[in-house]
Amino acid sequence: MTVERGIMLVVGVLVLASVLLAVYVNINWLWLTGILGAHLIVASFTGFCPVVMILKKIGLPQKAGFS
């Protein structure tokens, strides 16, 4: 697994979990989905993503051209 695939896995799990929590627990869990979406937009412009830093620290390889 690479950093890029790890990001997709982490965000996908979090979005799915927040939707399921919104359906079965409380609708306010959809705020997490919105926050994740907003962060993805900001990260696309700034390049800052805490998940990338964590995945790099645990030693996942990354593709060339990704920082």
Protein backbone atom coordinates (compact mmCIF):
# COMPACT_ATOMS: atom_id res chain seq x y z
CA MET A 1 0.00 0.00 0.00
CA THR A 2 1.21 3.50 -0.80
CA VAL A 3 0.50 6.82 0.91
CA GLU A 4 -1.92 7.75 -1.87
CA ARG A 5 -3.98 4.60 -1.44
CA GLY A 6 -3.80 4.97 2.34
CA ILE A 7 -5.35 8.43 2.12
CA MET A 8 -8.24 7.10 0.04
CA LEU A 9 -8.74 4.25 2.52
CA VAL A 10 -8.74 6.48 5.61
CA VAL A 11 -11.04 9.13 4.16
CA GLY A 12 -13.38 6.51 2.68
CA VAL A 13 -13.70 4.71 6.02
CA LEU A 14 -14.34 7.99 7.85
CA VAL A 15 -16.99 9.14 5.38
CA LEU A 16 -18.75 5.77 5.45
CA ALA A 17 -18.60 5.65 9.25
CA SER A 18 -20.01 9.17 9.61
CA VAL A 19 -22.90 8.40 7.24
CA LEU A 20 -23.73 5.19 9.10
CA LEU A 21 -23.54 7.01 12.43
CA ALA A 22 -25.84 9.72 11.05
CA VAL A 23 -28.39 7.10 9.97
CA TYR A 24 -28.32 4.99 13.12
CA VAL A 25 -27.22 7.34 15.93
CA ASN A 26 -27.63 11.05 15.29
CA ILE A 27 -27.96 13.19 12.16
CA ASN A 28 -25.29 15.56 13.49
CA TRP A 29 -22.60 13.03 12.46
CA LEU A 30 -23.02 14.41 8.94
CA TRP A 31 -20.95 17.38 10.10
CA LEU A 32 -17.95 15.04 10.04
CA THR A 33 -18.65 14.23 6.39
CA GLY A 34 -18.81 17.95 5.60
CA ILE A 35 -15.59 18.66 7.47
CA LEU A 36 -13.81 15.87 5.61
CA GLY A 37 -15.01 17.25 2.28
CA ALA A 38 -13.91 20.77 3.17
CA HIS A 39 -10.51 19.48 4.28
CA LEU A 40 -10.03 17.63 0.98
CA ILE A 41 -10.71 20.86 -0.91
CA VAL A 42 -8.29 22.86 1.25
CA ALA A 43 -5.64 20.11 1.06
CA SER A 44 -5.83 20.12 -2.73
CA PHE A 45 -4.74 23.77 -2.73
CA THR A 46 -2.35 23.86 0.22
CA GLY A 47 -0.86 20.37 0.14
CA PHE A 48 -1.25 20.08 3.92
CA CYS A 49 -2.80 16.83 5.10
CA PRO A 50 -2.26 15.34 8.57
CA VAL A 51 -3.10 11.86 7.24
CA VAL A 52 -0.16 12.07 4.83
CA MET A 53 2.20 12.95 7.68
CA ILE A 54 0.95 10.00 9.74
CA LEU A 55 1.19 7.54 6.85
CA LYS A 56 4.73 8.72 6.06
CA LYS A 57 5.75 8.26 9.70
CA ILE A 58 4.54 4.67 9.74
CA GLY A 59 6.69 4.03 6.68
CA LEU A 60 4.33 3.70 3.73
CA PRO A 61 6.05 4.37 0.40
CA GLN A 62 4.84 7.15 -1.84
CA LYS A 63 4.76 7.66 -5.57
CA ALA A 64 7.14 10.10 -7.22
CA GLY A 65 5.84 13.64 -7.43
CA PHE A 66 3.67 13.45 -4.31
CA SER A 67 4.72 15.47 -1.28
